[in-house]
Protein backbone atom coordinates (compact mmCIF):
# COMPACT_ATOMS: atom_id res chain seq x y z
CA MET A 1 19.11 13.81 -39.23
CA LYS A 2 20.99 17.01 -39.83
CA ARG A 3 22.96 17.76 -36.84
CA PHE A 4 25.12 20.83 -36.45
CA ARG A 5 27.18 22.30 -33.12
CA CYS A 6 26.91 25.88 -32.12
CA THR A 7 30.39 27.33 -32.75
CA ASN A 8 29.70 30.75 -31.14
CA ARG A 9 28.52 29.93 -28.19
CA HIS A 10 26.48 33.18 -27.35
CA ALA A 11 25.72 33.95 -30.72
CA GLY A 12 22.88 36.32 -31.23
CA GLU A 13 22.78 36.99 -27.35
CA SER A 14 23.72 40.60 -26.67
CA ALA A 15 25.46 42.02 -23.09
CA MET A 16 22.40 43.40 -22.23
CA ALA A 17 20.61 40.30 -22.48
CA ARG A 18 23.22 38.37 -20.53
CA LYS A 19 23.05 41.06 -17.82
CA SER A 20 19.58 40.66 -17.46
CA LYS A 21 17.49 38.18 -15.37
CA VAL A 22 17.51 34.85 -17.23
CA THR A 23 14.75 32.05 -16.93
CA VAL A 24 15.01 28.71 -17.64
CA ILE A 25 12.68 26.21 -18.50
CA THR A 26 13.13 22.46 -18.27
CA TYR A 27 10.93 19.11 -18.01
CA ASN A 28 10.47 16.85 -15.50
CA GLY A 29 13.22 13.85 -15.41
CA VAL A 30 16.88 13.32 -14.23
CA ASP A 31 18.24 15.08 -17.34
CA GLY A 32 15.78 17.99 -17.17
CA ALA A 33 16.98 18.24 -13.64
CA CYS A 34 20.60 18.44 -14.46
CA ALA A 35 20.09 20.32 -17.25
CA ALA A 36 18.54 23.26 -15.33
CA ALA A 37 21.07 22.86 -12.81
CA ALA A 38 23.94 23.05 -15.61
CA VAL A 39 22.49 26.75 -16.27
CA LEU A 40 22.36 27.67 -12.60
CA LEU A 41 26.36 27.06 -12.43
CA LYS A 42 26.17 29.90 -14.67
CA HIS A 43 23.40 32.07 -13.46
CA PRO A 44 22.72 31.43 -10.07
CA ARG A 45 19.82 33.48 -9.63
CA ALA A 46 17.80 32.76 -12.76
CA GLU A 47 14.42 31.69 -12.43
CA VAL A 48 13.58 27.78 -13.03
CA ARG A 49 9.87 26.65 -14.82
CA VAL A 50 9.07 23.47 -15.48
CA SER A 51 6.86 22.33 -18.65
CA SER A 52 5.59 19.38 -20.50
CA ALA A 53 5.90 18.99 -24.13
CA ARG A 54 2.34 19.44 -24.47
CA GLY A 55 1.68 23.00 -21.94
CA ILE A 56 4.99 24.67 -23.49
CA ALA A 57 2.84 26.86 -25.16
CA ASP A 58 1.01 27.44 -21.94
CA THR A 59 4.47 28.10 -20.33
CA PHE A 60 5.32 31.09 -22.65
CA THR A 61 1.85 32.46 -22.29
CA ALA A 62 2.34 32.64 -18.63
CA LEU A 63 5.79 34.84 -18.85
CA GLN A 64 4.23 37.00 -21.51
CA ASP A 65 3.85 39.98 -18.61
CA LYS A 66 6.95 38.65 -16.73
CA GLN A 67 10.45 41.02 -16.89
CA THR A 68 13.32 38.69 -18.12
CA GLY A 69 16.29 39.27 -20.38
CA CYS A 70 16.63 35.83 -21.58
CA ILE A 71 14.50 32.29 -21.67
CA HIS A 72 16.63 28.96 -22.14
CA VAL A 73 14.48 26.19 -22.56
CA CYS A 74 16.52 22.77 -21.80
CA GLY A 75 15.06 20.21 -24.48
CA VAL A 76 11.69 20.24 -23.88
CA GLY A 77 9.61 18.92 -26.87
CA VAL A 78 6.41 20.25 -28.56
CA THR A 79 3.67 18.24 -28.57
CA CYS A 80 1.23 21.22 -28.22
CA PRO A 81 0.16 22.66 -31.59
CA TRP A 82 3.52 24.74 -33.33
CA GLY A 83 0.49 27.70 -34.22
CA ALA A 84 -0.09 27.97 -30.77
CA LEU A 85 3.52 27.67 -29.50
CA ALA A 86 4.18 30.50 -32.51
CA ALA A 87 1.17 32.60 -30.78
CA ALA A 88 2.60 32.38 -27.19
CA LEU A 89 6.25 33.42 -28.48
CA ARG A 90 5.19 35.98 -30.55
CA PRO A 91 4.51 38.81 -27.33
CA VAL A 92 7.57 37.66 -25.52
CA GLN A 93 9.80 38.23 -28.07
CA ASN A 94 8.25 41.83 -28.63
CA ASN A 95 9.29 42.68 -25.30
CA GLY A 96 13.04 42.23 -26.57
CA VAL A 97 13.34 38.91 -24.66
CA LYS A 98 15.94 36.65 -26.78
CA VAL A 99 14.58 32.82 -26.52
CA TYR A 100 17.17 30.04 -26.87
CA TRP A 101 16.12 26.59 -27.30
CA HIS A 102 18.62 23.59 -26.39
CA CYS A 103 18.59 20.07 -27.51
CA GLY A 104 21.82 17.53 -26.99
CA ARG A 105 19.74 14.39 -27.42
CA GLY A 106 18.66 14.30 -31.10
CA TYR A 107 15.08 13.64 -30.84
CA PHE A 108 13.55 16.73 -32.93
CA THR A 109 13.18 15.97 -36.53
CA ASP A 110 14.17 17.70 -39.46
CA ASP A 111 10.74 19.46 -39.71
CA GLN A 112 10.57 19.96 -36.25
CA GLU A 113 14.25 21.45 -36.10
CA GLU A 114 12.89 24.07 -38.88
CA ASN A 115 10.17 25.03 -37.00
CA PHE A 116 12.03 26.12 -33.90
CA GLY A 117 14.71 27.73 -36.29
CA ARG A 118 11.42 29.82 -37.58
CA LEU A 119 10.35 30.62 -33.69
CA CYS A 120 14.11 30.95 -31.88
CA HIS A 121 17.68 30.54 -31.23
CA THR A 122 18.25 26.91 -31.70
CA ARG A 123 21.30 25.51 -29.95
CA PHE A 124 21.01 21.61 -31.07
CA MET A 125 24.02 19.37 -31.09
CA ASP A 126 24.71 15.73 -30.43
CA ALA A 127 26.17 15.74 -27.05
CA GLY A 128 24.13 12.44 -25.48
CA THR A 129 22.23 14.29 -23.01
CA ASN A 130 20.51 17.90 -22.75
CA THR A 131 22.74 18.48 -19.66
CA ALA A 132 25.99 17.87 -21.78
CA ALA A 133 24.65 20.30 -24.35
CA LEU A 134 23.94 22.93 -21.80
CA ALA A 135 27.28 22.65 -20.00
CA GLU A 136 29.07 22.88 -23.43
CA HIS A 137 26.82 26.17 -24.17
CA PHE A 138 27.57 27.89 -20.88
CA GLY A 139 31.00 26.72 -20.70
CA VAL A 140 30.83 24.44 -17.54
CA SER A 141 31.37 21.48 -19.24
CA HIS A 142 35.14 21.20 -18.28
CA THR A 143 34.31 22.39 -14.38
CA ARG A 144 33.95 19.76 -11.76
CA GLU A 145 30.57 20.57 -11.15
CA GLY A 146 29.59 20.61 -14.76
CA GLN A 147 31.12 17.20 -15.02
CA TRP A 148 29.25 15.66 -12.05
CA LEU A 149 25.97 17.00 -13.83
CA VAL A 150 26.78 15.74 -17.06
CA GLU A 151 27.82 12.17 -15.83
CA LEU A 152 24.68 12.02 -13.36
CA SER A 153 22.44 12.83 -16.37
CA TRP A 154 23.58 9.76 -18.30
CA HIS A 155 21.34 8.04 -15.80
CA ASP A 156 18.55 9.40 -16.93
CA ARG A 157 16.39 6.08 -18.32
CA HIS A 158 15.27 8.06 -21.39
CA VAL A 159 19.01 8.40 -22.24
CA SER A 160 20.24 6.19 -24.93
CA GLY A 161 22.77 3.97 -23.60
CA HIS A 162 21.93 5.05 -20.38
CA LYS A 163 24.20 3.16 -17.80
CA GLY A 164 21.67 1.58 -15.22
CA PRO A 165 21.53 1.42 -11.67
CA ALA A 166 24.20 -0.99 -11.66
CA GLU A 167 27.23 1.54 -12.03
CA ARG A 168 25.66 3.71 -9.85
CA SER A 169 27.67 4.99 -6.45
CA LYS A 170 25.96 5.30 -3.45
CA GLU A 171 26.12 9.03 -4.04
CA GLU A 172 24.73 8.81 -7.31
CA SER A 173 21.82 6.75 -5.97
CA ASP A 174 20.64 9.20 -3.38
CA TRP A 175 20.55 11.98 -5.54
CA LEU A 176 18.94 10.09 -8.33
CA ASP A 177 16.74 9.15 -5.47
CA LEU A 178 16.50 12.60 -4.42
CA ILE A 179 15.32 13.59 -7.88
CA ASP A 180 12.48 11.17 -7.95
CA ALA A 181 11.40 11.78 -4.66
CA SER A 182 10.98 15.40 -5.81
CA LEU A 183 9.23 14.46 -9.11
CA ALA A 184 6.78 12.14 -6.94
CA GLN A 185 5.37 15.34 -4.88
CA TYR A 186 4.11 17.09 -8.20
CA PHE A 187 2.52 13.47 -9.61
CA LYS A 188 1.25 12.63 -6.26
CA TYR A 189 0.02 16.02 -4.73
CA GLN A 190 0.70 18.71 -7.70
CA ASP A 191 3.55 20.46 -5.58
CA ARG A 192 6.23 21.64 -7.99
CA ASP A 193 8.07 23.39 -5.38
CA PRO A 194 10.30 19.95 -3.97
CA TYR A 195 11.67 19.41 -7.94
CA LEU A 196 12.65 23.35 -8.07
CA ARG A 197 14.49 23.29 -4.67
CA CYS A 198 15.97 19.78 -6.13
CA ILE A 199 17.22 21.82 -9.08
CA GLY A 200 18.98 24.13 -6.90
CA LYS A 201 20.45 21.44 -4.71
CA LEU A 202 22.29 19.95 -7.71
CA ALA A 203 23.92 23.33 -8.82
CA ARG A 204 25.22 23.45 -5.03
CA GLN A 205 25.86 19.91 -4.40
CA ASP A 206 23.84 20.47 -1.03
CA PHE A 207 22.92 17.07 0.34
CA THR A 208 21.04 17.59 3.79
CA GLU A 209 19.75 15.36 6.45
CA ASP A 210 16.25 16.38 5.65
CA ASP A 211 16.86 14.96 2.13
CA HIS A 212 17.84 11.82 3.53
CA VAL A 213 14.43 11.55 5.13
CA ALA A 214 12.67 12.31 1.61
CA ILE A 215 14.54 9.32 -0.26
CA GLU A 216 13.92 6.92 2.69
CA ALA A 217 10.12 7.76 2.38
CA PHE A 218 10.26 7.42 -1.24
CA ARG A 219 12.00 4.50 -1.31
CA ARG A 220 9.22 2.69 0.70
CA THR A 221 6.66 3.09 -1.97
CA GLY A 222 7.76 4.80 -4.92
CA TYR A 223 5.10 5.59 -7.23
CA LYS A 224 3.18 2.87 -6.02
CA TYR A 225 0.27 5.05 -5.00
CA LEU A 226 -0.06 7.37 -7.79
CA LEU A 227 -3.60 9.00 -8.45
CA HIS A 228 -4.28 8.28 -12.32
CA GLY A 229 -5.35 10.91 -14.31
CA GLY A 230 -5.07 14.52 -15.06
CA THR A 231 -8.60 16.26 -14.92
CA PRO A 232 -9.10 19.51 -12.98
CA ALA A 233 -11.10 16.98 -10.54
CA VAL A 234 -8.12 14.79 -10.09
CA ARG A 235 -5.29 17.74 -9.59
CA GLN A 236 -8.09 19.44 -7.60
CA LEU A 237 -7.78 16.21 -5.63
CA LYS A 238 -4.21 15.81 -5.23
CA GLU A 239 -4.02 19.39 -3.96
CA ARG A 240 -6.67 18.64 -1.38
CA ILE A 241 -4.48 15.55 -0.12
CA GLN A 242 -1.38 17.64 0.06
CA ARG A 243 -3.52 20.32 2.28
CA CYS A 244 -4.69 18.01 4.59
CA ALA A 245 -1.73 16.00 4.91
CA ASP A 246 0.20 19.11 5.81
CA ALA A 247 -2.59 19.61 8.55
CA ASN A 248 -1.73 16.72 10.48
CA ARG A 249 -5.16 15.91 11.99
CA HIS A 250 -7.89 13.23 11.67
CA ILE A 251 -9.14 12.54 8.42
CA ILE A 252 -12.22 10.61 6.67
CA ILE A 253 -12.03 9.80 3.04
CA THR A 254 -15.53 9.12 1.38
CA GLY A 255 -15.99 7.93 -2.18
CA GLU A 256 -17.44 4.73 -3.96
CA SER A 257 -15.60 1.38 -3.82
CA GLY A 258 -12.94 1.24 -6.40
CA THR A 259 -12.47 4.91 -6.59
CA GLY A 260 -8.94 4.83 -5.10
CA LYS A 261 -9.57 5.75 -0.98
CA GLU A 262 -6.72 3.32 0.08
CA HIS A 263 -4.26 5.17 -2.46
CA VAL A 264 -5.23 8.60 -0.78
CA ALA A 265 -4.75 6.97 2.46
CA HIS A 266 -0.96 6.26 1.71
CA LEU A 267 -0.70 9.48 0.07
CA LEU A 268 -1.83 11.13 3.07
CA TRP A 269 0.62 9.23 5.26
CA GLU A 270 3.65 9.58 2.92
CA ARG A 271 2.93 13.61 3.00
CA SER A 272 2.56 13.62 6.78
CA PRO A 273 4.88 14.77 9.09
CA ARG A 274 4.18 11.41 10.20
CA ALA A 275 6.04 9.82 7.50
CA MET A 276 8.72 8.10 9.04
CA GLY A 277 6.31 6.60 11.78
CA PRO A 278 4.16 3.26 11.19
CA MET A 279 1.01 3.08 9.32
CA VAL A 280 -1.47 0.65 10.50
CA ALA A 281 -4.38 -0.75 7.74
CA VAL A 282 -7.60 -2.11 9.28
CA ASN A 283 -10.68 -3.34 7.81
CA CYS A 284 -13.38 -2.48 9.62
CA ALA A 285 -15.62 -4.82 7.73
CA LEU A 286 -14.30 -7.78 9.59
CA TYR A 287 -15.84 -6.89 12.32
CA ALA A 288 -19.03 -6.39 11.35
CA GLY A 289 -21.40 -8.58 14.12
CA SER A 290 -18.13 -8.86 16.49
CA ALA A 291 -17.41 -6.43 18.95
CA ASN A 292 -15.06 -8.33 21.01
CA LEU A 293 -13.21 -9.05 18.03
CA ALA A 294 -12.98 -5.45 17.03
CA ASN A 295 -12.09 -4.44 21.20
CA SER A 296 -9.62 -7.08 20.95
CA ASP A 297 -7.73 -6.10 17.79
CA LEU A 298 -7.92 -2.14 17.76
CA PHE A 299 -7.32 -1.87 21.63
CA GLY A 300 -5.70 -5.07 22.87
CA HIS A 301 -6.50 -7.25 25.76
CA ARG A 302 -4.87 -8.79 28.93
CA LYS A 303 -4.09 -12.50 29.28
CA GLY A 304 -7.33 -14.44 30.87
CA ALA A 305 -9.68 -11.13 29.26
CA PHE A 306 -12.03 -13.93 27.61
CA THR A 307 -12.24 -17.33 26.49
CA GLY A 308 -8.79 -18.30 24.44
CA ALA A 309 -6.79 -14.91 25.35
CA GLU A 310 -3.92 -17.00 26.13
CA ARG A 311 -1.43 -14.20 26.29
CA ASP A 312 -1.41 -10.22 26.41
CA ARG A 313 -2.17 -8.52 22.85
CA GLN A 314 -1.21 -5.06 21.73
CA GLY A 315 -3.69 -3.61 19.70
CA LYS A 316 -3.47 -2.01 16.35
CA PHE A 317 -3.65 1.70 18.37
CA VAL A 318 -0.89 1.00 20.28
CA ALA A 319 0.92 -0.69 17.08
CA ALA A 320 0.41 2.96 14.91
CA HIS A 321 2.17 4.81 17.91
CA ARG A 322 3.58 8.14 16.42
CA GLY A 323 2.07 6.67 13.38
CA ILE A 324 -1.38 6.74 11.36
CA LEU A 325 -3.99 4.19 11.99
CA PHE A 326 -6.17 3.60 8.69
CA LEU A 327 -9.50 2.56 9.17
CA ASP A 328 -10.94 1.40 6.14
CA GLU A 329 -14.82 0.90 6.08
CA ILE A 330 -15.38 2.66 9.17
CA GLY A 331 -19.21 2.46 8.48
CA GLU A 332 -18.87 -1.26 9.28
CA LEU A 333 -17.79 -0.67 12.64
CA PRO A 334 -20.28 -2.06 15.70
CA PRO A 335 -22.00 0.81 17.23
CA GLU A 336 -20.44 -0.45 20.72
CA VAL A 337 -17.03 -0.04 19.56
CA GLN A 338 -17.42 3.67 18.28
CA ALA A 339 -17.48 4.84 21.57
CA LYS A 340 -14.36 3.49 22.72
CA LEU A 341 -12.83 4.71 19.59
CA LEU A 342 -14.17 7.87 20.20
CA ARG A 343 -12.69 8.21 23.78
CA VAL A 344 -9.43 7.25 22.31
CA LEU A 345 -9.67 9.67 19.86
CA GLU A 346 -10.27 12.36 22.65
CA ASP A 347 -7.59 11.56 25.09
CA GLY A 348 -5.06 9.28 23.78
CA ARG A 349 -5.44 6.92 26.19
CA VAL A 350 -6.16 3.03 25.59
CA THR A 351 -7.66 0.29 27.59
CA PRO A 352 -7.19 -3.09 26.89
CA GLU A 353 -9.94 -5.71 27.10
CA GLY A 354 -9.62 -6.95 30.72
CA ALA A 355 -8.13 -3.91 32.02
CA ASP A 356 -9.85 -1.27 34.78
CA GLN A 357 -8.00 1.54 33.50
CA TYR A 358 -6.16 2.80 30.57
CA GLU A 359 -2.41 1.25 30.78
CA GLN A 360 -0.77 3.37 27.55
CA GLU A 361 -1.18 6.80 25.81
CA VAL A 362 -0.79 6.73 22.13
CA ASP A 363 0.12 9.82 19.68
CA VAL A 364 -2.28 8.36 16.58
CA CYS A 365 -3.38 10.07 13.85
CA VAL A 366 -6.95 8.37 12.56
CA ILE A 367 -7.67 8.16 8.72
CA ALA A 368 -11.19 6.64 8.29
CA ALA A 369 -12.50 5.77 4.59
CA THR A 370 -15.96 4.40 3.59
CA HIS A 371 -18.17 4.03 0.78
CA ARG A 372 -21.16 4.73 3.12
CA ASP A 373 -23.58 7.29 3.62
CA LEU A 374 -22.22 8.12 7.11
CA PRO A 375 -25.11 10.96 7.90
CA ARG A 376 -27.88 8.54 6.66
CA MET A 377 -26.21 6.24 8.86
CA ILE A 378 -26.36 8.73 11.60
CA ARG A 379 -30.31 9.56 11.19
CA LYS A 380 -30.71 5.63 11.21
CA GLY A 381 -29.05 5.46 14.79
CA LEU A 382 -26.14 3.26 12.79
CA PHE A 383 -23.22 5.46 13.48
CA ARG A 384 -22.31 8.03 16.53
CA ALA A 385 -22.48 11.55 15.08
CA ASP A 386 -20.20 12.71 17.59
CA LEU A 387 -17.55 10.04 16.26
CA TYR A 388 -18.21 11.33 12.70
CA HIS A 389 -17.59 15.23 13.51
CA ARG A 390 -14.85 14.08 15.66
CA LEU A 391 -13.11 12.73 12.09
CA ALA A 392 -14.67 14.73 10.05
CA THR A 393 -12.64 18.30 10.60
CA LEU A 394 -11.21 17.34 7.75
CA ARG A 395 -12.75 15.24 4.93
CA ILE A 396 -11.72 14.16 1.19
CA HIS A 397 -14.15 12.82 -1.56
CA VAL A 398 -12.65 10.61 -4.00
CA PRO A 399 -14.91 11.48 -7.23
CA PRO A 400 -16.11 8.29 -9.20
CA LEU A 401 -15.13 7.00 -12.46
CA ARG A 402 -18.03 8.31 -14.50
CA ASP A 403 -17.52 12.01 -13.18
CA ARG A 404 -13.91 12.12 -14.76
CA VAL A 405 -14.50 10.47 -18.18
CA ALA A 406 -11.49 12.03 -19.63
CA ASP A 407 -9.31 10.17 -17.25
CA ILE A 408 -10.14 6.87 -18.55
CA ASP A 409 -7.51 7.21 -21.86
CA ILE A 410 -4.87 8.12 -19.34
CA ILE A 411 -5.53 5.06 -16.81
CA VAL A 412 -6.17 2.72 -20.03
CA ALA A 413 -2.75 3.96 -21.53
CA GLU A 414 -0.60 3.88 -18.27
CA ARG A 415 -1.81 0.33 -17.32
CA LEU A 416 -0.89 -0.85 -21.16
CA GLU A 417 2.46 0.49 -20.56
CA ILE A 418 2.72 -1.79 -17.53
CA LEU A 419 1.43 -4.69 -19.25
CA ALA A 420 3.65 -4.21 -22.05
CA GLU A 421 6.91 -3.99 -19.71
CA GLU A 422 5.34 -7.58 -18.54
CA GLY A 423 5.84 -8.59 -22.13
CA ARG A 424 1.88 -8.51 -22.63
CA THR A 425 1.60 -5.86 -25.54
CA ARG A 426 -1.85 -4.69 -26.52
CA LYS A 427 -2.88 -2.18 -28.53
CA LEU A 428 -6.71 -0.32 -28.75
CA SER A 429 -8.71 1.31 -31.63
CA LYS A 430 -10.37 4.64 -31.14
CA ARG A 431 -13.51 2.90 -31.32
CA ASP A 432 -12.21 0.53 -27.75
CA PHE A 433 -11.62 3.97 -26.05
CA ALA A 434 -15.27 5.18 -26.83
CA ARG A 435 -16.48 2.02 -26.13
CA LEU A 436 -14.52 2.27 -22.67
CA ARG A 437 -15.68 5.93 -22.29
CA GLU A 438 -19.24 4.87 -22.77
CA TYR A 439 -19.53 2.66 -19.75
CA ALA A 440 -20.91 3.64 -16.41
CA TRP A 441 -18.05 1.94 -14.35
CA PRO A 442 -19.82 1.31 -11.38
CA GLY A 443 -16.63 -0.78 -10.22
CA ASN A 444 -14.42 2.60 -11.28
CA VAL A 445 -11.06 2.94 -11.60
CA ARG A 446 -10.55 -0.93 -9.91
CA GLN A 447 -13.03 -2.19 -12.57
CA LEU A 448 -11.05 -0.98 -15.31
CA ILE A 449 -7.91 -1.64 -14.56
CA LYS A 450 -9.11 -5.50 -13.86
CA LEU A 451 -10.94 -5.25 -17.30
CA ILE A 452 -8.12 -4.05 -19.20
CA ASP A 453 -5.93 -6.91 -17.74
CA ARG A 454 -8.52 -9.55 -18.58
CA ALA A 455 -8.77 -8.25 -22.14
CA THR A 456 -5.14 -8.32 -22.64
CA LEU A 457 -4.50 -11.37 -20.70
CA LEU A 458 -7.07 -13.48 -22.38
CA ASP A 459 -7.01 -12.19 -25.78
CA LEU A 460 -10.29 -10.92 -25.52
CA SER A 461 -11.53 -7.47 -27.49
CA ILE A 462 -12.92 -4.82 -25.05
CA LYS A 463 -16.44 -5.33 -26.59
CA GLU A 464 -16.17 -8.91 -25.20
CA VAL A 465 -15.07 -8.05 -21.99
CA LEU A 466 -17.53 -5.12 -21.41
CA GLU A 467 -20.37 -7.12 -22.38
CA GLU A 468 -19.05 -9.81 -19.83
CA GLU A 469 -19.34 -7.03 -17.17
CA GLN A 470 -22.95 -5.88 -18.32
CA ALA A 471 -23.93 -9.17 -18.25
CA LEU A 472 -22.87 -9.61 -14.78
CA GLY A 473 -24.81 -6.45 -13.54
CA VAL A 474 -23.66 -4.07 -10.83
CA LEU A 475 -21.84 -5.86 -8.18
CA GLU A 476 -21.68 -3.50 -6.04
CA GLU A 477 -23.78 -2.98 -2.71
CA GLU A 478 -26.90 -1.08 -2.31
CA GLU A 479 -26.63 1.80 -0.20
CA GLY A 480 -27.37 0.68 3.41
CA GLN A 481 -28.05 -2.58 2.84
CA LYS A 482 -25.64 -4.21 4.99
CA GLY A 483 -26.39 -4.46 8.43
CA GLU A 484 -29.49 -2.78 8.18
CA VAL A 485 -31.55 -5.58 7.04
CA LEU A 486 -33.69 -6.93 9.84
CA LEU A 487 -34.73 -10.13 8.12
CA PRO A 488 -31.49 -12.06 6.61
CA SER A 489 -31.78 -12.96 2.95
CA SER A 490 -28.90 -15.36 2.84
CA ARG A 491 -26.63 -17.30 5.07
CA GLU A 492 -23.88 -14.23 4.49
CA ASP A 493 -26.55 -11.75 6.18
CA VAL A 494 -27.27 -13.48 9.41
CA ARG A 495 -25.75 -11.27 12.20
CA PRO A 496 -25.58 -12.28 15.82
CA LEU A 497 -28.84 -11.78 17.77
CA GLU A 498 -27.10 -9.49 20.17
CA GLU A 499 -25.88 -7.23 17.42
CA VAL A 500 -29.15 -6.59 15.77
CA GLN A 501 -30.90 -6.42 19.39
CA ARG A 502 -28.65 -3.25 19.93
CA ARG A 503 -29.11 -1.88 16.83
CA TYR A 504 -32.81 -1.85 16.81
CA ALA A 505 -33.01 -0.68 20.08
CA ARG A 506 -30.51 2.32 19.56
CA HIS A 507 -32.82 3.09 16.33
CA ALA A 508 -35.77 3.20 18.15
CA TRP A 509 -34.13 5.26 20.81
CA GLU A 510 -33.16 7.73 17.90
CA LEU A 511 -36.70 7.75 16.79
CA HIS A 512 -38.19 8.58 20.45
CA HIS A 513 -35.32 11.46 20.29
CA ARG A 514 -33.53 9.99 22.72
CA GLN A 515 -36.42 9.75 25.34
CA HIS A 516 -35.27 6.82 27.55
CA ARG A 517 -38.38 6.06 29.12
CA ALA A 518 -40.54 6.41 26.01
CA THR A 519 -38.07 4.01 24.18
CA ALA A 520 -38.27 1.23 27.00
CA ASN A 521 -41.99 1.59 27.00
CA ALA A 522 -42.23 0.87 23.26
CA LEU A 523 -39.81 -1.93 23.39
CA GLY A 524 -41.43 -3.50 26.60
CA ILE A 525 -38.26 -3.80 28.39
CA SER A 526 -37.08 -1.39 31.69
CA GLU A 527 -35.50 1.75 31.09
CA ASN A 528 -32.22 0.31 33.06
CA THR A 529 -32.06 -2.56 30.74
CA LEU A 530 -32.37 -0.12 27.56
CA ARG A 531 -29.48 1.98 29.10
CA TYR A 532 -27.06 -0.67 30.57
CA LYS A 533 -27.74 -3.34 28.05
CA TYR A 534 -28.58 -2.21 24.56
CA LEU A 535 -27.39 1.49 24.87
CA ALA A 536 -24.24 1.07 27.15
CA ASP A 537 -21.55 3.74 26.28
CA GLY A 538 -24.54 5.63 24.12
């Protein structure tokens, strides 16, 4: 590949342009952040923008009406059509703006270099990293700050011959994790501001206590709970998660099984002011038919409260103090426990089983999740309306995969990359991707990932694994089936008689518009029995 070094550092750059406002366009990554910071060493007031290779034409389109003297592009590639880039650049340059495209890593082909040369001023050199190229161009490569940025940029895993984690100093590790933590805010919440702030911090070498908190939170989960895809629906979901997390209120997450509700709950925790507190996860489906178990597990119990209670137990609410309690499948929570949960949400006081009064006040934010139609359950008397409204001030709905089919290619590509890192290489044809897009995906993202894993691990074709899925039929539970069947059709459907009686009585009460006397007469029991046995706390 033909290479040349720019001998005149500011060739073609007028004195007026140098004094005018400078705009920097960079990309996501360690080298991208350090390269932009190198420009800020020379132009501390420059505006920094972030672009992908695919979106670079759109980035220039957004700059057409902006006042700027010159634009420096820090090694951003081009995967959009060259015609689109040329069309976006033309109005910018017609306004007298000079565009300089820098590259220090030699990843542009000869044809690409020729295309760049026709569109803008190129500054390509063999410098190892884009940061080194920018530092050389702006004359800061021999300063302490410039040398530090270049050294840090070599740790970018996409740089040929990068050093690797074993050679990092503690200071370098902290800065590299801060870059990753700020990038994660975009990939998780569509929030660019942390990354832009990080670039400024790199230029100033300004590391604060808040940065230590950010990297500590990032180190716990990294990129584990990313939501896959790039459709407008996913971007809107990420933005909604950001706003809800910042609000620090109780939240309810709805969506079909397999859509990623648990991922959303973790993202809410990571972004919230409670990120340094605990996150305690509970699967309420384990409590179906056992109010005693739910009460003991959620609120704790005193020794001797019931048979087998041989010692005091701290409940999940106390364990989640100053953090988040994630109640997954809250639609399965027994009705009598729903009432106690509501009281704790209202006053923050936890009364363990076997105690006469509350014993501890807790500061807990509840995130609830369900694939159930809770309003329908409310109408059937299976879920408390007051609890629902207490939780549902903030609501997040996770869309099913069939409503964002364009994300399938992205999800599959990411999964294949992970499998390749494990030594399981697999390539899919265009027809394979078409077949995946044509399937309904009742199990959503979870089902798609498992199917790709199965096809790769067992060396099956996509057609074969899809036929297996279709042969199994829809395995997802029919809406409203669980807990609403009076006569069980299998052993697994059998519920304690007391639970069935309570649900039946409550449903009858709702049908009689909550008239106790009319309901008791219809059930053939006394009004007191209805009130204090079947509708206790109701």
